[in-house]
Structure formats: structure tokens, C-alpha cells
Amino acid sequence: MVANKRALIALTSYHGPLYADGSKTGVFFVEALHPFKNYRARGYEVDFVSETGTFGWDDHSLTEDFLNGQDKKDYETKDSDLYKALAKVKKPSEINAADYSIFFASAGHGTLFDYPTAKGLQSLAADIYDKGGIVAAVCHGPAIFDGLNDKKTGKNILNGKAITGFTDIGETMLGVDTIMKEMNLLSVEDIAKKYNVKFLSPIGPWDDYSITDDRIITGVNPASAGSTATRSMDALEKQMN
């Protein structure tokens, strides 16, 4: 492969109802912020893509429970490199997969609505993987794997791999497990079962926990977004050396 230090971060386009309090889900802010910062810190160019070229923030991701300290400052700094990159979010048809060595699926519950049928995003991920690149996903981001096939084998890209992602216990703790069932949304654990993939859980659902299985990198929750991105770079650079 001809590797380059460029990462493509996927965002969910779904910005709509989910939570019992009537608030919207969408992109979970730190799950886009932390990977972006980690990639840039190691000299990677970063672009954003969503299936429709649009996105919105998950309302709960902007509350004090999940957004404080430096993360909150980064959210409020609207002239930052992050916001400049987000202002240029592209559609899959505007992206050349050959320009990137890492595909990173960021998350938020919105991904459960659109990633499994986001054929444009899945095609980009498949192309990047096919040329020896890395496919990474954090939290609910592994929803991208539902229907994503390896171009060489025709089988699901996770075939023979182990993954992690947001746990069913975590869904229950957030009080959205019943809502998800009513909306016919598969959890990440459901997707792992669907494709007979080994699912690894952290000791606690909120621990920073990410795993590497060859060129598939996954992380479990918002706290793991940074480490998932770091693992993806480590995996790529191991191949480059």
C-alpha cells in the first residue's frame, strides 16, 4: 500500500429524536473532537464526511456530564481548526478514498439510524481497507460494520475479528434500551451477534477501553475516542515501517 498520513472521520447525518426527554441525538461531540485532535497532534491531515454532507450535535453530548474542562473550551472556540474542518464536511461522492489511509467512524446514537444503510460511507471504508488502510470505530460507530463487506472476500469486514463498542449495559444505564427496541435499532452487541463476531467488554461501561485486531480498531465509549484514534495511527505506522 502507498500509505499517507490522512484520516477521514465519518459523522452521522441523523439529527433527530431519541431520548425520553425529547432531546435529539446526533454526533457525540467529544467522539469527533478527540480523534481530530489526536490525529492532528501526530501530523495527520483530517477531513470530515457524512452520508448527506450534514450533521448535528447530540444534545446530551453537550451537557456538563459529558462536556467540561478543555472539551467545553474547545466546543466554545468556534474559530478553531476543528470548526474550520467541520465547515467543510463532505458527501461520500466528493471524497476519493485513495487519498486516505484511515477511516474513523465517530459516533453518537445517531449512527444507529443511518450507518447501517450509509452505502456511501461504507464504500469509502471498504475501499480504504481494501488498499491496506485502517478502519476504526468508537462507541456506536461500529454500526458502520452492519452490511460492510471486505471487497476481497465478499464477507463482512469483521469476519474472524474481535471488536468492542458501546455495551448493552451502557444502553440500560442511559435509559435508552427500551426506546432502541421500540425503534428497531440494533445495539453494537446485536451487530456483533448478527455477524457471529467476538465482542469484548471493558470491566466498566465507562472505562477507556479500545482494542486492535489487525487493521480493525474499535473503542467502547466517549472516553475511548482518543485511544481508538491513537491505536489506528499505531496500526498504520506499524505497516509503514
C-alpha atoms as a PDB file:
ATOM      1  CA  MET A   1       0.000   0.000   0.000  1.00  0.00           C
ATOM      2  CA  VAL A   2       1.009   3.609  -0.517  1.00  0.00           C
ATOM      3  CA  ALA A   3       0.267   4.956   2.936  1.00  0.00           C
ATOM      4  CA  ASN A   4      -0.323   8.605   3.684  1.00  0.00           C
ATOM      5  CA  LYS A   5      -0.917  10.425   6.923  1.00  0.00           C
ATOM      6  CA  ARG A   6      -4.501  11.374   6.176  1.00  0.00           C
ATOM      7  CA  ALA A   7      -7.541  10.349   8.179  1.00  0.00           C
ATOM      8  CA  LEU A   8     -11.207  10.554   7.218  1.00  0.00           C
ATOM      9  CA  ILE A   9     -13.635  10.953  10.122  1.00  0.00           C
ATOM     10  CA  ALA A  10     -17.209   9.890   9.412  1.00  0.00           C
ATOM     11  CA  LEU A  11     -20.147  11.620  11.100  1.00  0.00           C
ATOM     12  CA  THR A  12     -23.743  10.525  11.409  1.00  0.00           C
ATOM     13  CA  SER A  13     -26.214  12.593   9.383  1.00  0.00           C
ATOM     14  CA  TYR A  14     -29.105  11.678  11.660  1.00  0.00           C
ATOM     15  CA  HIS A  15     -30.060  14.573  13.940  1.00  0.00           C
ATOM     16  CA  GLY A  16     -33.422  13.758  15.431  1.00  0.00           C
ATOM     17  CA  PRO A  17     -35.440  12.371  18.333  1.00  0.00           C
ATOM     18  CA  LEU A  18     -34.319   9.516  20.529  1.00  0.00           C
ATOM     19  CA  TYR A  19     -34.212  10.397  24.193  1.00  0.00           C
ATOM     20  CA  ALA A  20     -37.163  10.169  26.556  1.00  0.00           C
ATOM     21  CA  ASP A  21     -36.809  13.857  27.436  1.00  0.00           C
ATOM     22  CA  GLY A  22     -37.435  14.779  23.793  1.00  0.00           C
ATOM     23  CA  SER A  23     -33.875  15.875  23.054  1.00  0.00           C
ATOM     24  CA  LYS A  24     -32.105  14.884  19.844  1.00  0.00           C
ATOM     25  CA  THR A  25     -29.282  12.534  19.152  1.00  0.00           C
ATOM     26  CA  GLY A  26     -26.653  13.130  16.502  1.00  0.00           C
ATOM     27  CA  VAL A  27     -22.863  13.333  16.587  1.00  0.00           C
ATOM     28  CA  PHE A  28     -21.423  12.933  20.084  1.00  0.00           C
ATOM     29  CA  PHE A  29     -19.145  15.970  20.308  1.00  0.00           C
ATOM     30  CA  VAL A  30     -16.039  14.544  22.004  1.00  0.00           C
ATOM     31  CA  GLU A  31     -16.134  11.488  19.735  1.00  0.00           C
ATOM     32  CA  ALA A  32     -15.343  13.832  16.853  1.00  0.00           C
ATOM     33  CA  LEU A  33     -13.154  16.245  18.841  1.00  0.00           C
ATOM     34  CA  HIS A  34     -10.730  13.805  20.471  1.00  0.00           C
ATOM     35  CA  PRO A  35      -9.870  11.837  17.316  1.00  0.00           C
ATOM     36  CA  PHE A  36      -9.442  15.091  15.371  1.00  0.00           C
ATOM     37  CA  LYS A  37      -7.031  16.481  17.974  1.00  0.00           C
ATOM     38  CA  ASN A  38      -5.066  13.236  18.278  1.00  0.00           C
ATOM     39  CA  TYR A  39      -4.661  12.892  14.515  1.00  0.00           C
ATOM     40  CA  ARG A  40      -3.600  16.495  14.103  1.00  0.00           C
ATOM     41  CA  ALA A  41      -1.140  16.223  17.010  1.00  0.00           C
ATOM     42  CA  ARG A  42       0.728  13.492  15.110  1.00  0.00           C
ATOM     43  CA  GLY A  43       0.818  15.385  11.850  1.00  0.00           C
ATOM     44  CA  TYR A  44      -2.178  13.832  10.102  1.00  0.00           C
ATOM     45  CA  GLU A  45      -4.440  15.744   7.766  1.00  0.00           C
ATOM     46  CA  VAL A  46      -8.094  15.243   8.711  1.00  0.00           C
ATOM     47  CA  ASP A  47     -11.334  15.630   6.780  1.00  0.00           C
ATOM     48  CA  PHE A  48     -14.926  15.005   7.794  1.00  0.00           C
ATOM     49  CA  VAL A  49     -17.573  13.171   5.793  1.00  0.00           C
ATOM     50  CA  SER A  50     -21.224  12.259   6.349  1.00  0.00           C
ATOM     51  CA  GLU A  51     -23.697  10.416   4.161  1.00  0.00           C
ATOM     52  CA  THR A  52     -25.611  13.613   3.323  1.00  0.00           C
ATOM     53  CA  GLY A  53     -22.886  16.192   3.947  1.00  0.00           C
ATOM     54  CA  THR A  54     -24.783  17.427   7.011  1.00  0.00           C
ATOM     55  CA  PHE A  55     -24.712  16.699  10.748  1.00  0.00           C
ATOM     56  CA  GLY A  56     -25.921  17.960  14.127  1.00  0.00           C
ATOM     57  CA  TRP A  57     -24.647  17.518  17.676  1.00  0.00           C
ATOM     58  CA  ASP A  58     -26.180  15.053  20.101  1.00  0.00           C
ATOM     59  CA  ASP A  59     -27.921  17.210  22.717  1.00  0.00           C
ATOM     60  CA  HIS A  60     -26.795  15.040  25.631  1.00  0.00           C
ATOM     61  CA  SER A  61     -23.166  15.228  24.485  1.00  0.00           C
ATOM     62  CA  LEU A  62     -23.226  18.966  25.175  1.00  0.00           C
ATOM     63  CA  THR A  63     -24.352  18.634  28.813  1.00  0.00           C
ATOM     64  CA  GLU A  64     -21.988  19.061  31.763  1.00  0.00           C
ATOM     65  CA  ASP A  65     -21.883  15.309  32.386  1.00  0.00           C
ATOM     66  CA  PHE A  66     -20.089  14.792  29.069  1.00  0.00           C
ATOM     67  CA  LEU A  67     -18.667  18.220  28.227  1.00  0.00           C
ATOM     68  CA  ASN A  68     -16.460  20.086  30.655  1.00  0.00           C
ATOM     69  CA  GLY A  69     -12.914  21.388  31.130  1.00  0.00           C
ATOM     70  CA  GLN A  70     -10.830  21.672  27.961  1.00  0.00           C
ATOM     71  CA  ASP A  71     -13.501  19.856  25.913  1.00  0.00           C
ATOM     72  CA  LYS A  72     -16.010  22.588  26.737  1.00  0.00           C
ATOM     73  CA  LYS A  73     -13.460  25.275  25.834  1.00  0.00           C
ATOM     74  CA  ASP A  74     -12.874  23.507  22.522  1.00  0.00           C
ATOM     75  CA  TYR A  75     -16.629  23.412  21.883  1.00  0.00           C
ATOM     76  CA  GLU A  76     -16.928  27.134  22.568  1.00  0.00           C
ATOM     77  CA  THR A  77     -13.930  28.110  20.389  1.00  0.00           C
ATOM     78  CA  LYS A  78     -15.765  28.450  17.109  1.00  0.00           C
ATOM     79  CA  ASP A  79     -12.779  29.723  15.099  1.00  0.00           C
ATOM     80  CA  SER A  80     -10.677  26.620  15.803  1.00  0.00           C
ATOM     81  CA  ASP A  81      -9.181  24.202  13.292  1.00  0.00           C
ATOM     82  CA  LEU A  82     -11.883  21.711  14.307  1.00  0.00           C
ATOM     83  CA  TYR A  83     -14.706  24.026  13.294  1.00  0.00           C
ATOM     84  CA  LYS A  84     -12.908  25.029  10.108  1.00  0.00           C
ATOM     85  CA  ALA A  85     -12.717  21.345   9.150  1.00  0.00           C
ATOM     86  CA  LEU A  86     -16.327  20.701  10.153  1.00  0.00           C
ATOM     87  CA  ALA A  87     -17.457  23.610   7.980  1.00  0.00           C
ATOM     88  CA  LYS A  88     -16.125  21.639   5.005  1.00  0.00           C
ATOM     89  CA  VAL A  89     -17.809  18.300   5.796  1.00  0.00           C
ATOM     90  CA  LYS A  90     -18.199  16.429   2.517  1.00  0.00           C
ATOM     91  CA  LYS A  91     -20.523  13.855   0.999  1.00  0.00           C
ATOM     92  CA  PRO A  92     -19.008  10.463   0.059  1.00  0.00           C
ATOM     93  CA  SER A  93     -19.282  11.361  -3.636  1.00  0.00           C
ATOM     94  CA  GLU A  94     -16.873  14.261  -3.001  1.00  0.00           C
ATOM     95  CA  ILE A  95     -14.232  12.015  -1.433  1.00  0.00           C
ATOM     96  CA  ASN A  96     -11.506   9.968  -3.129  1.00  0.00           C
ATOM     97  CA  ALA A  97     -10.809   7.002  -0.848  1.00  0.00           C
ATOM     98  CA  ALA A  98      -7.298   6.689  -2.295  1.00  0.00           C
ATOM     99  CA  ASP A  99      -6.383   9.929  -0.520  1.00  0.00           C
ATOM    100  CA  TYR A 100      -6.782   8.381   2.943  1.00  0.00           C
ATOM    101  CA  SER A 101      -5.182   5.613   4.978  1.00  0.00           C
ATOM    102  CA  ILE A 102      -7.552   5.696   7.968  1.00  0.00           C
ATOM    103  CA  PHE A 103     -11.345   5.646   8.079  1.00  0.00           C
ATOM    104  CA  PHE A 104     -12.643   6.561  11.540  1.00  0.00           C
ATOM    105  CA  ALA A 105     -16.353   6.163  12.343  1.00  0.00           C
ATOM    106  CA  SER A 106     -17.263   8.627  15.083  1.00  0.00           C
ATOM    107  CA  ALA A 107     -20.471   8.096  16.956  1.00  0.00           C
ATOM    108  CA  GLY A 108     -23.494   9.178  18.917  1.00  0.00           C
ATOM    109  CA  HIS A 109     -26.731   7.188  18.903  1.00  0.00           C
ATOM    110  CA  GLY A 110     -27.499   8.824  15.553  1.00  0.00           C
ATOM    111  CA  THR A 111     -25.198   6.302  13.895  1.00  0.00           C
ATOM    112  CA  LEU A 112     -27.660   3.507  14.730  1.00  0.00           C
ATOM    113  CA  PHE A 113     -30.168   5.190  12.424  1.00  0.00           C
ATOM    114  CA  ASP A 114     -28.027   5.828   9.347  1.00  0.00           C
ATOM    115  CA  TYR A 115     -24.689   3.985   9.399  1.00  0.00           C
ATOM    116  CA  PRO A 116     -26.105   0.512   8.564  1.00  0.00           C
ATOM    117  CA  THR A 117     -27.605   1.869   5.335  1.00  0.00           C
ATOM    118  CA  ALA A 118     -24.963   4.540   4.622  1.00  0.00           C
ATOM    119  CA  LYS A 119     -23.699   2.918   1.417  1.00  0.00           C
ATOM    120  CA  GLY A 120     -21.512   5.895   0.566  1.00  0.00           C
ATOM    121  CA  LEU A 121     -19.646   5.794   3.866  1.00  0.00           C
ATOM    122  CA  GLN A 122     -19.411   2.008   3.748  1.00  0.00           C
ATOM    123  CA  SER A 123     -17.957   2.142   0.241  1.00  0.00           C
ATOM    124  CA  LEU A 124     -15.252   4.568   1.391  1.00  0.00           C
ATOM    125  CA  ALA A 125     -14.409   2.345   4.368  1.00  0.00           C
ATOM    126  CA  ALA A 126     -14.283  -0.749   2.144  1.00  0.00           C
ATOM    127  CA  ASP A 127     -12.015   0.976  -0.378  1.00  0.00           C
ATOM    128  CA  ILE A 128      -9.612   2.263   2.278  1.00  0.00           C
ATOM    129  CA  TYR A 129      -9.480  -1.174   3.881  1.00  0.00           C
ATOM    130  CA  ASP A 130      -9.009  -2.872   0.519  1.00  0.00           C
ATOM    131  CA  LYS A 131      -5.822  -0.920  -0.187  1.00  0.00           C
ATOM    132  CA  GLY A 132      -4.361  -1.860   3.202  1.00  0.00           C
ATOM    133  CA  GLY A 133      -5.721   1.010   5.276  1.00  0.00           C
ATOM    134  CA  ILE A 134      -7.226   1.054   8.751  1.00  0.00           C
ATOM    135  CA  VAL A 135     -10.932   1.081   9.657  1.00  0.00           C
ATOM    136  CA  ALA A 136     -11.653   2.329  13.170  1.00  0.00           C
ATOM    137  CA  ALA A 137     -14.907   2.953  15.035  1.00  0.00           C
ATOM    138  CA  VAL A 138     -15.781   4.104  18.535  1.00  0.00           C
ATOM    139  CA  CYS A 139     -18.831   3.704  20.790  1.00  0.00           C
ATOM    140  CA  HIS A 140     -21.856   3.367  18.446  1.00  0.00           C
ATOM    141  CA  GLY A 141     -19.614   3.843  15.413  1.00  0.00           C
ATOM    142  CA  PRO A 142     -19.335   0.062  14.831  1.00  0.00           C
ATOM    143  CA  ALA A 143     -22.869   0.320  13.396  1.00  0.00           C
ATOM    144  CA  ILE A 144     -20.942   1.093  10.187  1.00  0.00           C
ATOM    145  CA  PHE A 145     -19.947  -2.591  10.052  1.00  0.00           C
ATOM    146  CA  ASP A 146     -23.553  -3.757   9.570  1.00  0.00           C
ATOM    147  CA  GLY A 147     -23.535  -4.557   5.849  1.00  0.00           C
ATOM    148  CA  LEU A 148     -19.896  -3.539   5.287  1.00  0.00           C
ATOM    149  CA  ASN A 149     -18.125  -6.255   3.299  1.00  0.00           C
ATOM    150  CA  ASP A 150     -14.469  -6.941   2.563  1.00  0.00           C
ATOM    151  CA  LYS A 151     -14.058  -6.386  -1.196  1.00  0.00           C
ATOM    152  CA  LYS A 152     -11.605  -9.285  -1.500  1.00  0.00           C
ATOM    153  CA  THR A 153     -13.644 -11.952   0.298  1.00  0.00           C
ATOM    154  CA  GLY A 154     -17.210 -10.698  -0.086  1.00  0.00           C
ATOM    155  CA  LYS A 155     -17.723 -11.486   3.603  1.00  0.00           C
ATOM    156  CA  ASN A 156     -18.428  -8.999   6.360  1.00  0.00           C
ATOM    157  CA  ILE A 157     -15.311  -6.984   7.104  1.00  0.00           C
ATOM    158  CA  LEU A 158     -15.430  -8.201  10.717  1.00  0.00           C
ATOM    159  CA  ASN A 159     -15.273 -11.863   9.762  1.00  0.00           C
ATOM    160  CA  GLY A 160     -12.789 -13.566  12.118  1.00  0.00           C
ATOM    161  CA  LYS A 161     -12.185 -10.362  14.089  1.00  0.00           C
ATOM    162  CA  ALA A 162     -12.960  -9.257  17.645  1.00  0.00           C
ATOM    163  CA  ILE A 163     -14.483  -5.861  18.381  1.00  0.00           C
ATOM    164  CA  THR A 164     -15.739  -3.703  21.199  1.00  0.00           C
ATOM    165  CA  GLY A 165     -18.262  -0.870  21.253  1.00  0.00           C
ATOM    166  CA  PHE A 166     -20.928   0.654  23.430  1.00  0.00           C
ATOM    167  CA  THR A 167     -22.332  -2.085  25.633  1.00  0.00           C
ATOM    168  CA  ASP A 168     -25.917  -3.153  26.207  1.00  0.00           C
ATOM    169  CA  ILE A 169     -25.331  -2.470  29.903  1.00  0.00           C
ATOM    170  CA  GLY A 170     -24.435   1.078  28.975  1.00  0.00           C
ATOM    171  CA  GLU A 171     -27.663   1.441  26.966  1.00  0.00           C
ATOM    172  CA  THR A 172     -29.647   0.330  30.001  1.00  0.00           C
ATOM    173  CA  MET A 173     -27.771   2.771  32.250  1.00  0.00           C
ATOM    174  CA  LEU A 174     -28.620   5.597  29.837  1.00  0.00           C
ATOM    175  CA  GLY A 175     -32.271   4.523  29.814  1.00  0.00           C
ATOM    176  CA  VAL A 176     -32.457   4.104  26.054  1.00  0.00           C
ATOM    177  CA  ASP A 177     -32.513   0.299  25.747  1.00  0.00           C
ATOM    178  CA  THR A 178     -36.309   0.098  25.602  1.00  0.00           C
ATOM    179  CA  ILE A 179     -36.525   3.055  23.220  1.00  0.00           C
ATOM    180  CA  MET A 180     -33.994   1.397  20.910  1.00  0.00           C
ATOM    181  CA  LYS A 181     -36.040  -1.796  20.823  1.00  0.00           C
ATOM    182  CA  GLU A 182     -39.208   0.172  20.048  1.00  0.00           C
ATOM    183  CA  MET A 183     -37.396   1.897  17.163  1.00  0.00           C
ATOM    184  CA  ASN A 184     -35.891  -1.386  15.893  1.00  0.00           C
ATOM    185  CA  LEU A 185     -32.343  -0.104  16.379  1.00  0.00           C
ATOM    186  CA  LEU A 186     -29.616  -2.716  16.759  1.00  0.00           C
ATOM    187  CA  SER A 187     -27.068  -2.188  19.514  1.00  0.00           C
ATOM    188  CA  VAL A 188     -23.391  -2.763  18.797  1.00  0.00           C
ATOM    189  CA  GLU A 189     -23.624  -6.050  20.692  1.00  0.00           C
ATOM    190  CA  ASP A 190     -26.598  -7.011  18.480  1.00  0.00           C
ATOM    191  CA  ILE A 191     -24.486  -6.338  15.376  1.00  0.00           C
ATOM    192  CA  ALA A 192     -21.636  -8.453  16.734  1.00  0.00           C
ATOM    193  CA  LYS A 193     -24.089 -11.323  17.296  1.00  0.00           C
ATOM    194  CA  LYS A 194     -25.600 -10.847  13.822  1.00  0.00           C
ATOM    195  CA  TYR A 195     -22.219 -11.492  12.201  1.00  0.00           C
ATOM    196  CA  ASN A 196     -21.004 -14.025  14.793  1.00  0.00           C
ATOM    197  CA  VAL A 197     -18.205 -11.672  15.856  1.00  0.00           C
ATOM    198  CA  LYS A 198     -16.457 -11.862  19.213  1.00  0.00           C
ATOM    199  CA  PHE A 199     -17.443  -8.868  21.369  1.00  0.00           C
ATOM    200  CA  LEU A 200     -15.054  -7.777  24.135  1.00  0.00           C
ATOM    201  CA  SER A 201     -16.391  -5.710  27.035  1.00  0.00           C
ATOM    202  CA  PRO A 202     -14.489  -3.458  29.444  1.00  0.00           C
ATOM    203  CA  ILE A 203     -14.705  -4.004  33.196  1.00  0.00           C
ATOM    204  CA  GLY A 204     -16.898  -0.906  33.425  1.00  0.00           C
ATOM    205  CA  PRO A 205     -19.008   0.555  30.585  1.00  0.00           C
ATOM    206  CA  TRP A 206     -17.429   3.996  31.023  1.00  0.00           C
ATOM    207  CA  ASP A 207     -13.785   2.862  31.124  1.00  0.00           C
ATOM    208  CA  ASP A 208     -11.338   3.967  28.427  1.00  0.00           C
ATOM    209  CA  TYR A 209     -11.110   0.702  26.505  1.00  0.00           C
ATOM    210  CA  SER A 210     -10.080   0.115  22.909  1.00  0.00           C
ATOM    211  CA  ILE A 211      -8.721  -2.875  21.016  1.00  0.00           C
ATOM    212  CA  THR A 212      -6.698  -3.592  17.894  1.00  0.00           C
ATOM    213  CA  ASP A 213      -7.384  -6.633  15.736  1.00  0.00           C
ATOM    214  CA  ASP A 214      -5.065  -6.323  12.763  1.00  0.00           C
ATOM    215  CA  ARG A 215      -6.485  -3.392  10.738  1.00  0.00           C
ATOM    216  CA  ILE A 216      -9.813  -3.142  12.605  1.00  0.00           C
ATOM    217  CA  ILE A 217      -9.703  -0.818  15.619  1.00  0.00           C
ATOM    218  CA  THR A 218     -12.648  -0.293  17.973  1.00  0.00           C
ATOM    219  CA  GLY A 219     -13.360   1.588  21.192  1.00  0.00           C
ATOM    220  CA  VAL A 220     -16.179   1.335  23.674  1.00  0.00           C
ATOM    221  CA  ASN A 221     -17.381   4.841  24.642  1.00  0.00           C
ATOM    222  CA  PRO A 222     -16.686   8.616  24.574  1.00  0.00           C
ATOM    223  CA  ALA A 223     -13.713   8.190  26.928  1.00  0.00           C
ATOM    224  CA  SER A 224     -12.175   5.805  24.393  1.00  0.00           C
ATOM    225  CA  ALA A 225     -12.380   8.043  21.312  1.00  0.00           C
ATOM    226  CA  GLY A 226      -8.843   9.349  21.709  1.00  0.00           C
ATOM    227  CA  SER A 227      -7.238   5.986  22.378  1.00  0.00           C
ATOM    228  CA  THR A 228      -9.093   4.444  19.419  1.00  0.00           C
ATOM    229  CA  ALA A 229      -7.658   7.104  17.110  1.00  0.00           C
ATOM    230  CA  THR A 230      -4.187   6.605  18.586  1.00  0.00           C
ATOM    231  CA  ARG A 231      -4.416   2.852  18.023  1.00  0.00           C
ATOM    232  CA  SER A 232      -5.414   3.447  14.406  1.00  0.00           C
ATOM    233  CA  MET A 233      -2.302   5.539  13.819  1.00  0.00           C
ATOM    234  CA  ASP A 234      -0.105   2.990  15.591  1.00  0.00           C
ATOM    235  CA  ALA A 235      -1.539   0.215  13.405  1.00  0.00           C
ATOM    236  CA  LEU A 236      -0.972   2.215  10.221  1.00  0.00           C
ATOM    237  CA  GLU A 237       2.540   3.280  11.099  1.00  0.00           C
ATOM    238  CA  LYS A 238       3.457  -0.298  12.036  1.00  0.00           C
ATOM    239  CA  GLN A 239       2.606  -1.244   8.463  1.00  0.00           C
ATOM    240  CA  MET A 240       4.522   1.685   7.028  1.00  0.00           C
ATOM    241  CA  ASN A 241       7.761   0.752   8.837  1.00  0.00           C
END
